[in-house]
Amino acid sequence: MKSDSPGGIYPPAMDKTTAELIEAARAGKRDAVEALLQRHEGQVYRFSLRMCGNPEDAKEVLQETLVTAFKGIHQFRGEAELSTWLYQVARSFCIKARRKRVGEPSHTDSLETAEVRAVPGEDGEGPDNRAHAREVGQVLQAALASLPDHYREVILLKDVEGLSAEEVAEVVGENVAGVKSRLHRARLELRKLLSAVLDAEAPEQAPCPALAEELAGYAGGDIDQATCEQMEAHMKTCPQCTAACDRLKATVSLCRRVEGDEVPAPIRAAVLRAVGTPAQG
């Protein structure tokens, strides 16, 4: 497998499981550290970019997260996935970065200035589709940045990064029912923000009034586990909810494909130096 990192190609290390790589990294094996970086740095950077809403903060969060994680690799006990642990560390640094910038103006595009025609399909990687994906990405980024932090993080972790509800709960330090409650509201709010994009693809599909009314009834507190299960059952059988959910997921998934999220090589090199594994020239 070829890597875009300064270290080049790591077939032996990349063939190993994450557990084997962690053990090798603890023993000071350079190729194991590089392989773990290659395997996880992209998702940490993508999450940091979307969560911080500021490229400079995201770069700082990425570097601090990876250095903290790899310097503390001996403290990782393996109760959770390594990626879950990395999201926990990145989330804590994102919170610190946001606190430092309280009161500063946002540098993200507004929904008014970010224009898009419609949601592109998943198939096809021609120039038109790539340009289209970038346009959708601008609107999506602006919409995500408009969400409250506690909504944005669950959308990013669940719908962009693909974590289970249990894993998201572990990252954010909340119970599963609380996470599902937030996620339901976050998706509803994001769909409102993206309504022009989503309705351009299927204007005849309106949001389900039954689900909206159900969610509105819980505006003052968390939705309990039984209610979450009822809502999930409703969404699986309601044509309106299924169509709306599918369009929303297809749009949010573009966060994984929009260009410009490549991990900066200087950050990777700095991380390798900081953990005592110099990058090759």
C-alpha atoms as a PDB file:
ATOM      1  CA  MET A   1       0.000   0.000   0.000  1.00  0.00           C
ATOM      2  CA  LYS A   2       1.456   3.344  -0.994  1.00  0.00           C
ATOM      3  CA  SER A   3       1.433   6.239   1.426  1.00  0.00           C
ATOM      4  CA  ASP A   4       1.486   9.978   0.853  1.00  0.00           C
ATOM      5  CA  SER A   5       3.563  10.460   3.985  1.00  0.00           C
ATOM      6  CA  PRO A   6       7.275  11.345   3.992  1.00  0.00           C
ATOM      7  CA  GLY A   7       8.093   7.802   5.074  1.00  0.00           C
ATOM      8  CA  GLY A   8       7.083   6.310   1.729  1.00  0.00           C
ATOM      9  CA  ILE A   9       5.732   2.733   1.541  1.00  0.00           C
ATOM     10  CA  TYR A  10       4.941   0.528   4.534  1.00  0.00           C
ATOM     11  CA  PRO A  11       3.654  -2.860   3.325  1.00  0.00           C
ATOM     12  CA  PRO A  12       4.877  -4.892   6.328  1.00  0.00           C
ATOM     13  CA  ALA A  13       3.421  -2.561   8.952  1.00  0.00           C
ATOM     14  CA  MET A  14       0.174  -1.816   7.132  1.00  0.00           C
ATOM     15  CA  ASP A  15      -0.576  -5.543   6.914  1.00  0.00           C
ATOM     16  CA  LYS A  16      -0.693  -5.744  10.716  1.00  0.00           C
ATOM     17  CA  THR A  17      -3.741  -5.276  12.917  1.00  0.00           C
ATOM     18  CA  THR A  18      -4.103  -2.110  14.964  1.00  0.00           C
ATOM     19  CA  ALA A  19      -3.349  -4.069  18.139  1.00  0.00           C
ATOM     20  CA  GLU A  20      -0.105  -5.405  16.622  1.00  0.00           C
ATOM     21  CA  LEU A  21       0.869  -1.916  15.476  1.00  0.00           C
ATOM     22  CA  ILE A  22       0.228  -0.473  18.941  1.00  0.00           C
ATOM     23  CA  GLU A  23       2.460  -3.075  20.541  1.00  0.00           C
ATOM     24  CA  ALA A  24       5.183  -2.385  17.974  1.00  0.00           C
ATOM     25  CA  ALA A  25       4.806   1.386  18.501  1.00  0.00           C
ATOM     26  CA  ARG A  26       5.211   0.887  22.243  1.00  0.00           C
ATOM     27  CA  ALA A  27       8.437  -0.942  21.488  1.00  0.00           C
ATOM     28  CA  GLY A  28       9.671   2.090  19.523  1.00  0.00           C
ATOM     29  CA  LYS A  29       9.207   0.696  16.008  1.00  0.00           C
ATOM     30  CA  ARG A  30       9.185   3.579  13.575  1.00  0.00           C
ATOM     31  CA  ASP A  31       7.246   1.859  10.809  1.00  0.00           C
ATOM     32  CA  ALA A  32       4.469   0.997  13.272  1.00  0.00           C
ATOM     33  CA  VAL A  33       4.118   4.623  14.349  1.00  0.00           C
ATOM     34  CA  GLU A  34       4.039   5.752  10.723  1.00  0.00           C
ATOM     35  CA  ALA A  35       1.482   3.085   9.839  1.00  0.00           C
ATOM     36  CA  LEU A  36      -0.771   4.127  12.731  1.00  0.00           C
ATOM     37  CA  LEU A  37      -0.445   7.750  11.627  1.00  0.00           C
ATOM     38  CA  GLN A  38      -1.348   6.850   8.068  1.00  0.00           C
ATOM     39  CA  ARG A  39      -4.323   4.845   9.283  1.00  0.00           C
ATOM     40  CA  HIS A  40      -5.811   7.469  11.619  1.00  0.00           C
ATOM     41  CA  GLU A  41      -4.470  10.965  10.902  1.00  0.00           C
ATOM     42  CA  GLY A  42      -6.942  11.687   8.093  1.00  0.00           C
ATOM     43  CA  GLN A  43     -10.020  11.084  10.210  1.00  0.00           C
ATOM     44  CA  VAL A  44      -8.629  13.174  13.087  1.00  0.00           C
ATOM     45  CA  TYR A  45      -7.861  16.059  10.733  1.00  0.00           C
ATOM     46  CA  ARG A  46     -11.259  15.873   9.035  1.00  0.00           C
ATOM     47  CA  PHE A  47     -13.044  15.876  12.395  1.00  0.00           C
ATOM     48  CA  SER A  48     -10.888  18.764  13.633  1.00  0.00           C
ATOM     49  CA  LEU A  49     -11.563  20.846  10.519  1.00  0.00           C
ATOM     50  CA  ARG A  50     -15.320  20.382  10.745  1.00  0.00           C
ATOM     51  CA  MET A  51     -15.459  20.769  14.516  1.00  0.00           C
ATOM     52  CA  CYS A  52     -13.141  23.759  14.894  1.00  0.00           C
ATOM     53  CA  GLY A  53     -14.324  25.534  11.744  1.00  0.00           C
ATOM     54  CA  ASN A  54     -10.866  27.083  11.414  1.00  0.00           C
ATOM     55  CA  PRO A  55      -7.978  25.521   9.430  1.00  0.00           C
ATOM     56  CA  GLU A  56      -5.275  26.896  11.713  1.00  0.00           C
ATOM     57  CA  ASP A  57      -7.014  25.586  14.817  1.00  0.00           C
ATOM     58  CA  ALA A  58      -7.554  22.239  13.073  1.00  0.00           C
ATOM     59  CA  LYS A  59      -3.849  21.907  12.283  1.00  0.00           C
ATOM     60  CA  GLU A  60      -2.972  22.697  15.884  1.00  0.00           C
ATOM     61  CA  VAL A  61      -5.569  20.223  17.174  1.00  0.00           C
ATOM     62  CA  LEU A  62      -4.292  17.540  14.797  1.00  0.00           C
ATOM     63  CA  GLN A  63      -0.699  17.971  15.934  1.00  0.00           C
ATOM     64  CA  GLU A  64      -1.567  18.149  19.640  1.00  0.00           C
ATOM     65  CA  THR A  65      -3.846  15.121  19.371  1.00  0.00           C
ATOM     66  CA  LEU A  66      -1.346  12.912  17.578  1.00  0.00           C
ATOM     67  CA  VAL A  67       1.598  13.946  19.743  1.00  0.00           C
ATOM     68  CA  THR A  68      -0.438  13.417  22.926  1.00  0.00           C
ATOM     69  CA  ALA A  69      -1.709  10.052  21.706  1.00  0.00           C
ATOM     70  CA  PHE A  70       1.598   8.647  20.525  1.00  0.00           C
ATOM     71  CA  LYS A  71       3.577   9.948  23.488  1.00  0.00           C
ATOM     72  CA  GLY A  72       0.940   8.356  25.708  1.00  0.00           C
ATOM     73  CA  ILE A  73       0.506   5.166  23.696  1.00  0.00           C
ATOM     74  CA  HIS A  74       1.551   3.140  26.769  1.00  0.00           C
ATOM     75  CA  GLN A  75      -1.513   4.497  28.593  1.00  0.00           C
ATOM     76  CA  PHE A  76      -3.887   3.168  25.940  1.00  0.00           C
ATOM     77  CA  ARG A  77      -5.439   0.057  27.495  1.00  0.00           C
ATOM     78  CA  GLY A  78      -7.462  -1.096  24.536  1.00  0.00           C
ATOM     79  CA  GLU A  79     -10.892  -0.957  26.201  1.00  0.00           C
ATOM     80  CA  ALA A  80     -12.069   1.088  23.186  1.00  0.00           C
ATOM     81  CA  GLU A  81     -10.958   1.350  19.589  1.00  0.00           C
ATOM     82  CA  LEU A  82      -7.851   3.484  19.046  1.00  0.00           C
ATOM     83  CA  SER A  83      -9.863   5.715  16.720  1.00  0.00           C
ATOM     84  CA  THR A  84     -12.429   6.330  19.488  1.00  0.00           C
ATOM     85  CA  TRP A  85      -9.664   7.325  21.871  1.00  0.00           C
ATOM     86  CA  LEU A  86      -8.197   9.687  19.255  1.00  0.00           C
ATOM     87  CA  TYR A  87     -11.587  11.346  18.776  1.00  0.00           C
ATOM     88  CA  GLN A  88     -11.800  11.843  22.554  1.00  0.00           C
ATOM     89  CA  VAL A  89      -8.402  13.537  22.602  1.00  0.00           C
ATOM     90  CA  ALA A  90      -9.183  15.647  19.507  1.00  0.00           C
ATOM     91  CA  ARG A  91     -12.532  16.694  20.952  1.00  0.00           C
ATOM     92  CA  SER A  92     -10.872  17.954  24.142  1.00  0.00           C
ATOM     93  CA  PHE A  93      -8.363  20.021  22.144  1.00  0.00           C
ATOM     94  CA  CYS A  94     -11.153  21.375  19.908  1.00  0.00           C
ATOM     95  CA  ILE A  95     -13.035  22.537  22.996  1.00  0.00           C
ATOM     96  CA  LYS A  96      -9.912  24.335  24.229  1.00  0.00           C
ATOM     97  CA  ALA A  97      -9.363  25.932  20.823  1.00  0.00           C
ATOM     98  CA  ARG A  98     -12.960  27.171  20.663  1.00  0.00           C
ATOM     99  CA  ARG A  99     -12.723  28.623  24.168  1.00  0.00           C
ATOM    100  CA  LYS A 100      -9.645  30.595  23.131  1.00  0.00           C
ATOM    101  CA  ARG A 101     -11.580  32.079  20.208  1.00  0.00           C
ATOM    102  CA  VAL A 102     -14.747  33.021  22.091  1.00  0.00           C
ATOM    103  CA  GLY A 103     -15.946  36.397  20.813  1.00  0.00           C
ATOM    104  CA  GLU A 104     -13.922  36.283  17.600  1.00  0.00           C
ATOM    105  CA  PRO A 105     -15.779  36.512  14.285  1.00  0.00           C
ATOM    106  CA  SER A 106     -16.349  33.301  12.375  1.00  0.00           C
ATOM    107  CA  HIS A 107     -14.151  32.687   9.334  1.00  0.00           C
ATOM    108  CA  THR A 108     -16.473  30.152   7.722  1.00  0.00           C
ATOM    109  CA  ASP A 109     -18.649  30.847   4.693  1.00  0.00           C
ATOM    110  CA  SER A 110     -22.231  31.823   5.390  1.00  0.00           C
ATOM    111  CA  LEU A 111     -25.141  29.895   3.976  1.00  0.00           C
ATOM    112  CA  GLU A 112     -26.009  32.975   1.909  1.00  0.00           C
ATOM    113  CA  THR A 113     -22.625  33.170   0.157  1.00  0.00           C
ATOM    114  CA  ALA A 114     -22.155  29.413  -0.275  1.00  0.00           C
ATOM    115  CA  GLU A 115     -24.223  28.452  -3.308  1.00  0.00           C
ATOM    116  CA  VAL A 116     -24.995  25.039  -4.749  1.00  0.00           C
ATOM    117  CA  ARG A 117     -27.265  23.586  -7.408  1.00  0.00           C
ATOM    118  CA  ALA A 118     -28.286  20.179  -5.998  1.00  0.00           C
ATOM    119  CA  VAL A 119     -26.925  17.111  -4.262  1.00  0.00           C
ATOM    120  CA  PRO A 120     -24.650  15.075  -6.585  1.00  0.00           C
ATOM    121  CA  GLY A 121     -24.922  11.321  -6.817  1.00  0.00           C
ATOM    122  CA  GLU A 122     -22.365   9.024  -5.272  1.00  0.00           C
ATOM    123  CA  ASP A 123     -21.271   7.633  -8.633  1.00  0.00           C
ATOM    124  CA  GLY A 124     -18.864   9.292 -11.005  1.00  0.00           C
ATOM    125  CA  GLU A 125     -15.668  11.183 -10.298  1.00  0.00           C
ATOM    126  CA  GLY A 126     -15.453  13.389 -13.389  1.00  0.00           C
ATOM    127  CA  PRO A 127     -14.512  17.088 -13.245  1.00  0.00           C
ATOM    128  CA  ASP A 128     -18.146  18.192 -13.115  1.00  0.00           C
ATOM    129  CA  ASN A 129     -18.933  15.881 -10.204  1.00  0.00           C
ATOM    130  CA  ARG A 130     -15.812  16.967  -8.320  1.00  0.00           C
ATOM    131  CA  ALA A 131     -16.678  20.643  -8.795  1.00  0.00           C
ATOM    132  CA  HIS A 132     -20.243  19.902  -7.768  1.00  0.00           C
ATOM    133  CA  ALA A 133     -19.039  18.105  -4.649  1.00  0.00           C
ATOM    134  CA  ARG A 134     -16.937  21.136  -3.734  1.00  0.00           C
ATOM    135  CA  GLU A 135     -19.989  23.371  -4.078  1.00  0.00           C
ATOM    136  CA  VAL A 136     -22.067  21.094  -1.878  1.00  0.00           C
ATOM    137  CA  GLY A 137     -19.140  20.920   0.521  1.00  0.00           C
ATOM    138  CA  GLN A 138     -19.138  24.697   0.939  1.00  0.00           C
ATOM    139  CA  VAL A 139     -22.818  24.733   1.831  1.00  0.00           C
ATOM    140  CA  LEU A 140     -22.438  21.687   4.062  1.00  0.00           C
ATOM    141  CA  GLN A 141     -19.488  23.192   5.902  1.00  0.00           C
ATOM    142  CA  ALA A 142     -21.413  26.433   6.449  1.00  0.00           C
ATOM    143  CA  ALA A 143     -24.456  24.515   7.680  1.00  0.00           C
ATOM    144  CA  LEU A 144     -22.387  22.381  10.071  1.00  0.00           C
ATOM    145  CA  ALA A 145     -20.633  25.488  11.381  1.00  0.00           C
ATOM    146  CA  SER A 146     -24.050  27.023  12.067  1.00  0.00           C
ATOM    147  CA  LEU A 147     -25.043  24.155  14.349  1.00  0.00           C
ATOM    148  CA  PRO A 148     -24.455  24.448  18.101  1.00  0.00           C
ATOM    149  CA  ASP A 149     -21.301  22.603  19.132  1.00  0.00           C
ATOM    150  CA  HIS A 150     -23.192  19.835  20.943  1.00  0.00           C
ATOM    151  CA  TYR A 151     -25.193  19.110  17.788  1.00  0.00           C
ATOM    152  CA  ARG A 152     -22.266  19.395  15.398  1.00  0.00           C
ATOM    153  CA  GLU A 153     -20.071  16.901  17.230  1.00  0.00           C
ATOM    154  CA  VAL A 154     -22.655  14.091  17.225  1.00  0.00           C
ATOM    155  CA  ILE A 155     -23.433  14.626  13.528  1.00  0.00           C
ATOM    156  CA  LEU A 156     -19.721  14.534  12.688  1.00  0.00           C
ATOM    157  CA  LEU A 157     -18.965  11.463  14.775  1.00  0.00           C
ATOM    158  CA  LYS A 158     -22.037   9.448  13.792  1.00  0.00           C
ATOM    159  CA  ASP A 159     -22.881  10.490  10.229  1.00  0.00           C
ATOM    160  CA  VAL A 160     -19.491  11.591   8.888  1.00  0.00           C
ATOM    161  CA  GLU A 161     -17.043   9.357  10.730  1.00  0.00           C
ATOM    162  CA  GLY A 162     -19.414   6.398  10.998  1.00  0.00           C
ATOM    163  CA  LEU A 163     -19.117   5.653  14.714  1.00  0.00           C
ATOM    164  CA  SER A 164     -21.847   3.664  16.406  1.00  0.00           C
ATOM    165  CA  ALA A 165     -24.112   5.404  18.918  1.00  0.00           C
ATOM    166  CA  GLU A 166     -22.245   3.549  21.675  1.00  0.00           C
ATOM    167  CA  GLU A 167     -18.885   4.816  20.403  1.00  0.00           C
ATOM    168  CA  VAL A 168     -20.175   8.376  20.089  1.00  0.00           C
ATOM    169  CA  ALA A 169     -21.431   8.152  23.671  1.00  0.00           C
ATOM    170  CA  GLU A 170     -17.963   7.085  24.787  1.00  0.00           C
ATOM    171  CA  VAL A 171     -16.285   9.971  22.941  1.00  0.00           C
ATOM    172  CA  VAL A 172     -18.588  12.670  24.313  1.00  0.00           C
ATOM    173  CA  GLY A 173     -18.979  11.144  27.778  1.00  0.00           C
ATOM    174  CA  GLU A 174     -22.742  10.691  27.676  1.00  0.00           C
ATOM    175  CA  ASN A 175     -25.183   7.802  27.758  1.00  0.00           C
ATOM    176  CA  VAL A 176     -26.490   6.323  24.530  1.00  0.00           C
ATOM    177  CA  ALA A 177     -30.030   7.640  25.010  1.00  0.00           C
ATOM    178  CA  GLY A 178     -28.669  11.167  25.433  1.00  0.00           C
ATOM    179  CA  VAL A 179     -26.584  10.828  22.284  1.00  0.00           C
ATOM    180  CA  LYS A 180     -29.570   9.601  20.273  1.00  0.00           C
ATOM    181  CA  SER A 181     -31.656  12.472  21.603  1.00  0.00           C
ATOM    182  CA  ARG A 182     -29.051  14.978  20.470  1.00  0.00           C
ATOM    183  CA  LEU A 183     -28.602  13.219  17.149  1.00  0.00           C
ATOM    184  CA  HIS A 184     -32.315  13.319  16.331  1.00  0.00           C
ATOM    185  CA  ARG A 185     -32.429  17.050  17.006  1.00  0.00           C
ATOM    186  CA  ALA A 186     -29.137  17.696  15.223  1.00  0.00           C
ATOM    187  CA  ARG A 187     -30.320  15.946  12.066  1.00  0.00           C
ATOM    188  CA  LEU A 188     -33.596  17.839  12.108  1.00  0.00           C
ATOM    189  CA  GLU A 189     -31.765  21.157  12.519  1.00  0.00           C
ATOM    190  CA  LEU A 190     -29.216  20.326   9.841  1.00  0.00           C
ATOM    191  CA  ARG A 191     -31.960  19.333   7.459  1.00  0.00           C
ATOM    192  CA  LYS A 192     -33.598  22.736   7.981  1.00  0.00           C
ATOM    193  CA  LEU A 193     -30.305  24.460   7.194  1.00  0.00           C
ATOM    194  CA  LEU A 194     -29.796  22.301   4.102  1.00  0.00           C
ATOM    195  CA  SER A 195     -33.409  22.394   2.952  1.00  0.00           C
ATOM    196  CA  ALA A 196     -32.628  24.324  -0.245  1.00  0.00           C
ATOM    197  CA  VAL A 197     -29.997  21.751  -1.218  1.00  0.00           C
ATOM    198  CA  LEU A 198     -32.050  18.720  -0.286  1.00  0.00           C
ATOM    199  CA  ASP A 199     -35.306  19.992  -1.768  1.00  0.00           C
ATOM    200  CA  ALA A 200     -33.562  20.804  -5.040  1.00  0.00           C
ATOM    201  CA  GLU A 201     -33.101  17.075  -5.513  1.00  0.00           C
ATOM    202  CA  ALA A 202     -36.590  16.024  -4.425  1.00  0.00           C
ATOM    203  CA  PRO A 203     -38.828  19.064  -3.849  1.00  0.00           C
ATOM    204  CA  GLU A 204     -41.935  16.930  -3.641  1.00  0.00           C
ATOM    205  CA  GLN A 205     -40.709  15.335  -0.390  1.00  0.00           C
ATOM    206  CA  ALA A 206     -41.559  17.471   2.640  1.00  0.00           C
ATOM    207  CA  PRO A 207     -40.238  16.810   6.157  1.00  0.00           C
ATOM    208  CA  CYS A 208     -42.465  14.414   8.088  1.00  0.00           C
ATOM    209  CA  PRO A 209     -44.767  16.515  10.331  1.00  0.00           C
ATOM    210  CA  ALA A 210     -45.336  13.595  12.705  1.00  0.00           C
ATOM    211  CA  LEU A 211     -41.649  13.246  13.527  1.00  0.00           C
ATOM    212  CA  ALA A 212     -41.131  17.017  13.757  1.00  0.00           C
ATOM    213  CA  GLU A 213     -44.029  17.262  16.202  1.00  0.00           C
ATOM    214  CA  GLU A 214     -42.664  14.347  18.246  1.00  0.00           C
ATOM    215  CA  LEU A 215     -39.247  15.970  18.500  1.00  0.00           C
ATOM    216  CA  ALA A 216     -40.727  19.374  19.342  1.00  0.00           C
ATOM    217  CA  GLY A 217     -42.452  17.805  22.309  1.00  0.00           C
ATOM    218  CA  TYR A 218     -39.064  17.009  23.847  1.00  0.00           C
ATOM    219  CA  ALA A 219     -37.488  20.430  23.366  1.00  0.00           C
ATOM    220  CA  GLY A 220     -36.943  20.838  27.077  1.00  0.00           C
ATOM    221  CA  GLY A 221     -35.078  17.638  27.843  1.00  0.00           C
ATOM    222  CA  ASP A 222     -33.480  14.438  26.659  1.00  0.00           C
ATOM    223  CA  ILE A 223     -35.463  11.820  24.807  1.00  0.00           C
ATOM    224  CA  ASP A 224     -35.502   8.580  26.744  1.00  0.00           C
ATOM    225  CA  GLN A 225     -34.367   5.272  25.270  1.00  0.00           C
ATOM    226  CA  ALA A 226     -37.899   3.975  24.655  1.00  0.00           C
ATOM    227  CA  THR A 227     -38.869   7.123  22.774  1.00  0.00           C
ATOM    228  CA  CYS A 228     -35.680   6.967  20.713  1.00  0.00           C
ATOM    229  CA  GLU A 229     -36.543   3.420  19.712  1.00  0.00           C
ATOM    230  CA  GLN A 230     -40.067   4.480  18.743  1.00  0.00           C
ATOM    231  CA  MET A 231     -38.691   7.280  16.581  1.00  0.00           C
ATOM    232  CA  GLU A 232     -36.191   4.970  14.918  1.00  0.00           C
ATOM    233  CA  ALA A 233     -38.961   2.474  14.157  1.00  0.00           C
ATOM    234  CA  HIS A 234     -41.070   5.290  12.708  1.00  0.00           C
ATOM    235  CA  MET A 235     -38.212   6.517  10.513  1.00  0.00           C
ATOM    236  CA  LYS A 236     -37.653   3.024   9.116  1.00  0.00           C
ATOM    237  CA  THR A 237     -41.274   2.643   8.005  1.00  0.00           C
ATOM    238  CA  CYS A 238     -42.239   6.215   7.067  1.00  0.00           C
ATOM    239  CA  PRO A 239     -41.522   6.912   3.343  1.00  0.00           C
ATOM    240  CA  GLN A 240     -41.109  10.633   3.993  1.00  0.00           C
ATOM    241  CA  CYS A 241     -38.612  10.088   6.796  1.00  0.00           C
ATOM    242  CA  THR A 242     -36.706   7.410   4.889  1.00  0.00           C
ATOM    243  CA  ALA A 243     -36.323   9.627   1.816  1.00  0.00           C
ATOM    244  CA  ALA A 244     -35.353  12.670   3.870  1.00  0.00           C
ATOM    245  CA  CYS A 245     -32.876  10.668   5.956  1.00  0.00           C
ATOM    246  CA  ASP A 246     -31.284   9.098   2.870  1.00  0.00           C
ATOM    247  CA  ARG A 247     -30.812  12.492   1.215  1.00  0.00           C
ATOM    248  CA  LEU A 248     -29.362  13.970   4.385  1.00  0.00           C
ATOM    249  CA  LYS A 249     -26.922  11.084   4.832  1.00  0.00           C
ATOM    250  CA  ALA A 250     -25.856  11.295   1.174  1.00  0.00           C
ATOM    251  CA  THR A 251     -25.159  15.000   1.600  1.00  0.00           C
ATOM    252  CA  VAL A 252     -23.347  14.705   4.933  1.00  0.00           C
ATOM    253  CA  SER A 253     -21.214  11.862   3.556  1.00  0.00           C
ATOM    254  CA  LEU A 254     -19.646  14.395   1.192  1.00  0.00           C
ATOM    255  CA  CYS A 255     -17.627  15.572   4.191  1.00  0.00           C
ATOM    256  CA  ARG A 256     -15.502  12.489   3.627  1.00  0.00           C
ATOM    257  CA  ARG A 257     -14.924  13.263  -0.066  1.00  0.00           C
ATOM    258  CA  VAL A 258     -14.519  17.037  -0.362  1.00  0.00           C
ATOM    259  CA  GLU A 259     -11.036  17.963  -1.545  1.00  0.00           C
ATOM    260  CA  GLY A 260      -8.685  20.028   0.582  1.00  0.00           C
ATOM    261  CA  ASP A 261      -8.639  17.829   3.687  1.00  0.00           C
ATOM    262  CA  GLU A 262      -5.237  16.283   3.027  1.00  0.00           C
ATOM    263  CA  VAL A 263      -3.090  16.121   6.146  1.00  0.00           C
ATOM    264  CA  PRO A 264      -0.348  18.778   5.851  1.00  0.00           C
ATOM    265  CA  ALA A 265       3.030  17.050   5.463  1.00  0.00           C
ATOM    266  CA  PRO A 266       4.777  19.465   7.891  1.00  0.00           C
ATOM    267  CA  ILE A 267       2.310  18.465  10.624  1.00  0.00           C
ATOM    268  CA  ARG A 268       3.040  14.782  10.082  1.00  0.00           C
ATOM    269  CA  ALA A 269       6.782  15.413  10.142  1.00  0.00           C
ATOM    270  CA  ALA A 270       6.465  17.478  13.340  1.00  0.00           C
ATOM    271  CA  VAL A 271       4.498  14.690  15.011  1.00  0.00           C
ATOM    272  CA  LEU A 272       7.115  12.096  14.069  1.00  0.00           C
ATOM    273  CA  ARG A 273       9.879  14.301  15.455  1.00  0.00           C
ATOM    274  CA  ALA A 274       7.932  14.978  18.656  1.00  0.00           C
ATOM    275  CA  VAL A 275       7.402  11.278  19.365  1.00  0.00           C
ATOM    276  CA  GLY A 276      11.036  10.526  18.686  1.00  0.00           C
ATOM    277  CA  THR A 277      10.585   9.068  15.223  1.00  0.00           C
ATOM    278  CA  PRO A 278      12.318  11.377  12.726  1.00  0.00           C
ATOM    279  CA  ALA A 279      10.737  11.619   9.277  1.00  0.00           C
ATOM    280  CA  GLN A 280      12.831  10.655   6.305  1.00  0.00           C
ATOM    281  CA  GLY A 281      13.815  13.417   3.921  1.00  0.00           C
END
